[in-house]
Structures are given as C-alpha cells and as structure tokens.
Amino acid sequence: MQFIKKQTGFTFIEVLLSLFLLNVFLCGLIRTELFSIQTSSESYLKTIAIIQAKNLLALLKLQKNTGVSISTILSQWQQETKNVLPMPKSHYSCNQIQCQVILEWQFKRKQRVYLNEKI
C-alpha cells in the first residue's frame, strides 16, 4: 500500500510571486501618496500667493487713501512674501481706476497668480 502525501503550505514560487505582487501594489500606493502630497503643497502655496496678492492690493488702496510711502509698503510686503513663498517675484501696476498684481514663485515649476482690482 502506497500513501499519497498531501501537499500543505505554499511553494517557493508562490511565495515569490505573492511578494512581487505585494511590492508592485505598495510601490503604486507610495507613488500615489507622494503625488497627493505634492499636489497639496502646490495648492497650499497657490492659496498663500493669492492671499499675498490680495494683501498687496489692500495695501495699495490704503496707500492711496493715507499717502503712506509706497516704497515702505512694498519693501515690507516683499519681505513678508519672501518668508512664505519659494523664490517669489512680483510685479504690480496701478492707474487711477485699477491695480494689477502678478505674483510668481518656483515650486517644482514656475507658477503665477494674476489679480486685478478696482481701487
């Protein structure tokens, strides 16, 4: 009488294949998380840039009404912007009716915010 041995457990190939599939899944998950973090950071910086641009527009309105030196306002605003945005560059122009602010910064790629407002 010959006994047939039942196989129990997994073969080495099955273990390797399952580890490979787990590795592919985890790499995809990590990549998705990294993309999510990068997108979140870009969104955060854009929000900060919009706030800074609106802040400059408000300061320009205030300067028009109070006569405070524009150079003082701009130097303080630029210093604050340097503290919150990476490599910022700003441009503004005003006439009697409206002001335009362009704020650029560098985070992975060049990004811009344009704001126009009546004064």
Protein backbone atom coordinates (compact mmCIF):
# COMPACT_ATOMS: atom_id res chain seq x y z
CA MET A 1 0.00 0.00 0.00
CA GLN A 2 1.38 3.32 -1.08
CA PHE A 3 0.45 6.52 0.75
CA ILE A 4 0.00 9.76 -1.18
CA LYS A 5 1.39 12.67 0.71
CA LYS A 6 -0.87 15.73 0.72
CA GLN A 7 0.91 18.98 0.00
CA THR A 8 0.49 21.58 2.72
CA GLY A 9 1.71 25.16 2.66
CA PHE A 10 2.94 27.18 -0.29
CA THR A 11 5.65 26.53 -2.80
CA PHE A 12 8.64 28.83 -3.09
CA ILE A 13 7.40 30.17 -6.45
CA GLU A 14 4.00 31.05 -4.98
CA VAL A 15 5.65 32.97 -2.13
CA LEU A 16 7.94 34.87 -4.54
CA LEU A 17 5.03 35.73 -6.81
CA SER A 18 2.91 37.00 -3.92
CA LEU A 19 5.83 39.11 -2.62
CA PHE A 20 6.34 40.56 -6.10
CA LEU A 21 2.65 41.47 -6.42
CA LEU A 22 2.67 42.99 -2.92
CA ASN A 23 5.76 45.03 -3.88
CA VAL A 24 4.08 46.36 -7.06
CA PHE A 25 0.96 47.28 -5.08
CA LEU A 26 2.92 49.07 -2.34
CA CYS A 27 5.06 50.99 -4.88
CA GLY A 28 1.89 52.21 -6.59
CA LEU A 29 0.40 53.22 -3.25
CA ILE A 30 3.54 55.13 -2.24
CA ARG A 31 3.66 56.91 -5.60
CA THR A 32 0.01 57.94 -5.23
CA GLU A 33 0.69 59.30 -1.75
CA LEU A 34 3.72 61.28 -2.95
CA PHE A 35 1.68 62.77 -5.79
CA SER A 36 -1.05 63.69 -3.31
CA ILE A 37 1.45 65.42 -1.01
CA GLN A 38 2.98 67.36 -3.92
CA THR A 39 -0.42 68.46 -5.20
CA SER A 40 -1.43 69.51 -1.69
CA SER A 41 1.77 71.56 -1.32
CA GLU A 42 1.19 73.30 -4.66
CA SER A 43 -2.39 74.11 -3.68
CA TYR A 44 -1.24 75.47 -0.32
CA LEU A 45 1.35 77.73 -1.99
CA LYS A 46 -1.21 78.99 -4.50
CA THR A 47 -3.56 79.89 -1.65
CA ILE A 48 -0.73 81.74 0.12
CA ALA A 49 0.12 83.57 -3.14
CA ILE A 50 -3.49 84.69 -3.60
CA ILE A 51 -3.61 85.94 -0.02
CA GLN A 52 -0.34 87.84 -0.51
CA ALA A 53 -1.55 89.40 -3.78
CA LYS A 54 -4.82 90.48 -2.16
CA ASN A 55 -2.83 91.84 0.75
CA LEU A 56 -0.76 93.98 -1.64
CA LEU A 57 -3.91 95.26 -3.34
CA ALA A 58 -5.34 96.22 0.05
CA LEU A 59 -2.09 97.97 0.97
CA LEU A 60 -2.11 99.89 -2.33
CA LYS A 61 -5.67 101.03 -1.62
CA LEU A 62 -4.59 102.09 1.86
CA GLN A 63 -1.60 103.97 0.42
CA LYS A 64 -3.86 105.85 -1.97
CA ASN A 65 -6.10 106.96 0.89
CA THR A 66 -3.43 107.69 3.53
CA GLY A 67 -0.42 108.80 1.48
CA VAL A 68 1.98 106.36 3.17
CA SER A 69 5.21 105.87 1.23
CA ILE A 70 4.78 103.22 -1.47
CA SER A 71 8.40 102.10 -1.11
CA THR A 72 7.88 101.35 2.59
CA ILE A 73 4.75 99.35 1.87
CA LEU A 74 6.41 97.40 -0.95
CA SER A 75 9.59 96.59 0.95
CA GLN A 76 7.63 95.22 3.92
CA TRP A 77 5.30 93.27 1.64
CA GLN A 78 8.19 91.82 -0.39
CA GLN A 79 9.99 90.71 2.77
CA GLU A 80 6.82 89.02 4.04
CA THR A 81 6.31 87.34 0.65
CA LYS A 82 9.89 86.02 0.66
CA ASN A 83 9.17 84.41 4.03
CA VAL A 84 6.12 82.49 2.80
CA LEU A 85 6.79 81.65 -0.89
CA PRO A 86 9.79 79.97 -2.51
CA MET A 87 11.68 82.31 -4.88
CA PRO A 88 8.91 84.90 -5.31
CA LYS A 89 8.88 87.60 -7.98
CA SER A 90 6.22 90.28 -8.02
CA HIS A 91 5.04 92.90 -10.47
CA TYR A 92 2.33 95.45 -9.97
CA SER A 93 0.88 98.32 -11.93
CA CYS A 94 -1.75 100.87 -10.98
CA ASN A 95 -3.67 103.60 -12.71
CA GLN A 96 -6.46 105.82 -11.46
CA ILE A 97 -9.06 103.07 -11.81
CA GLN A 98 -7.46 99.71 -11.02
CA CYS A 99 -4.36 97.85 -9.91
CA GLN A 100 -2.93 94.62 -11.25
CA VAL A 101 -0.68 92.30 -9.24
CA ILE A 102 1.30 89.42 -10.75
CA LEU A 103 3.00 87.12 -8.28
CA GLU A 104 5.30 84.31 -9.45
CA TRP A 105 7.05 81.62 -7.45
CA GLN A 106 9.02 78.44 -8.11
CA PHE A 107 7.97 75.10 -6.65
CA LYS A 108 8.88 72.20 -8.94
CA ARG A 109 7.78 74.51 -11.78
CA LYS A 110 7.06 78.20 -12.28
CA GLN A 111 3.61 79.25 -11.10
CA ARG A 112 1.72 82.56 -11.30
CA VAL A 113 -1.22 84.39 -9.80
CA TYR A 114 -2.83 87.39 -11.54
CA LEU A 115 -5.18 89.72 -9.68
CA ASN A 116 -6.94 92.87 -10.92
CA GLU A 117 -8.99 95.05 -8.65
CA LYS A 118 -10.59 98.47 -8.77
CA ILE A 119 -9.18 100.94 -6.29
